[in-house]
């Protein structure tokens, strides 16, 4: 009887390994034709959890340098390269038929991308063409067909099992370690050729805001303001503090809707890893909490002791921001920071803040 059980477990294990080998995943690379974005490295790590063969599709115009970077990632079977002027500007309308043609050739079981604006715009189109349901913003992969994602703006967690023949997935980067671009030597080959300019849209130009501060989507520290700032002019308090910390400046949706700052400063569910998040004059609406609660250290400054932001903050200061922020900005050393009236709070976050200050002395 015991021997029979051993054989049964062994066969089940062999079947599991066989099914895992049958999995094949296509990861859609996100880049700017020169540099691979880190979201793709996170997506590759997610693909490794799925198991099986992993291919990466690099599509663009003159995207050779990106393909070379990707090929160095360990664990890839191949890097498929599609260079075509139709992909200039990375229009989702033109990329969709390329992905469909690639899938038709290799018959992938999974198609992955990062849960960014790019991935969320592209993969639903692919899913619609394949007549399957996309699974967005995945935070945990429990198996080839079982995924965990957040719903209701992050207030609930859903585990779902997909029965679709092809799983179309976007993954949240913060939940998957990035795969290093080293140790691998994947072969590079051409993606399926074709006429991919469908002619329904045209890339004209793009204007990117320029600033000496780190970009909000990649900064390790963020100073964010809410409705409590009262006006756009008062955001200068946050700009001054951010400059000293080498941090990005963000805003809540309430501040953006009120016209204090432009929309590109709104803090959302970007999936970016933030080491230090300082929330100033932010009450803590559900949507805002969902976008920033995964930050490693959260500091809240608000004069309302009942503000929901304090429920997720690691350190909280109940004080008028118009007094606290200028005092914090004016100090340049740990000793000076500790001398503040709210020195107990600063004493806790001093190592972090001092670290950021020292980098900019």
Foldseek 3Di string as FASTA:
>chain_A
DVVVVVVVVVVVVVVVVVVLQVAEEEEEWDDDLAETDQQSLQFVQVVVQQHHAYEYEYEEANNVNHQLLQQFFPRHQEYAYHHDNLCHVPDLQLVLVLVVQQCVVVVHQEYEYAQAPSLVVRQVVNCVVVVADAAEAFQDDPYNFWTWHAPPLRPDIDIDGGPDSHYYYHYQRLNGDGGHSHDGRHYYDYGDDDDRNPPPDDDDDDDDDDDPADQPLAWQEEEEEECLCVALVSCVLVVLQCLLLSGHYAYDVRCCVVVSDDPSRHQFQSSYEHAEYEYEHDLDDSRNCSRPLNHNAYEYEDLDPPRPVVVSHPYYHNDRRVPVSVQCSVDQALVSCCPDPVNVRCVVCVVVSNVSNVVPD
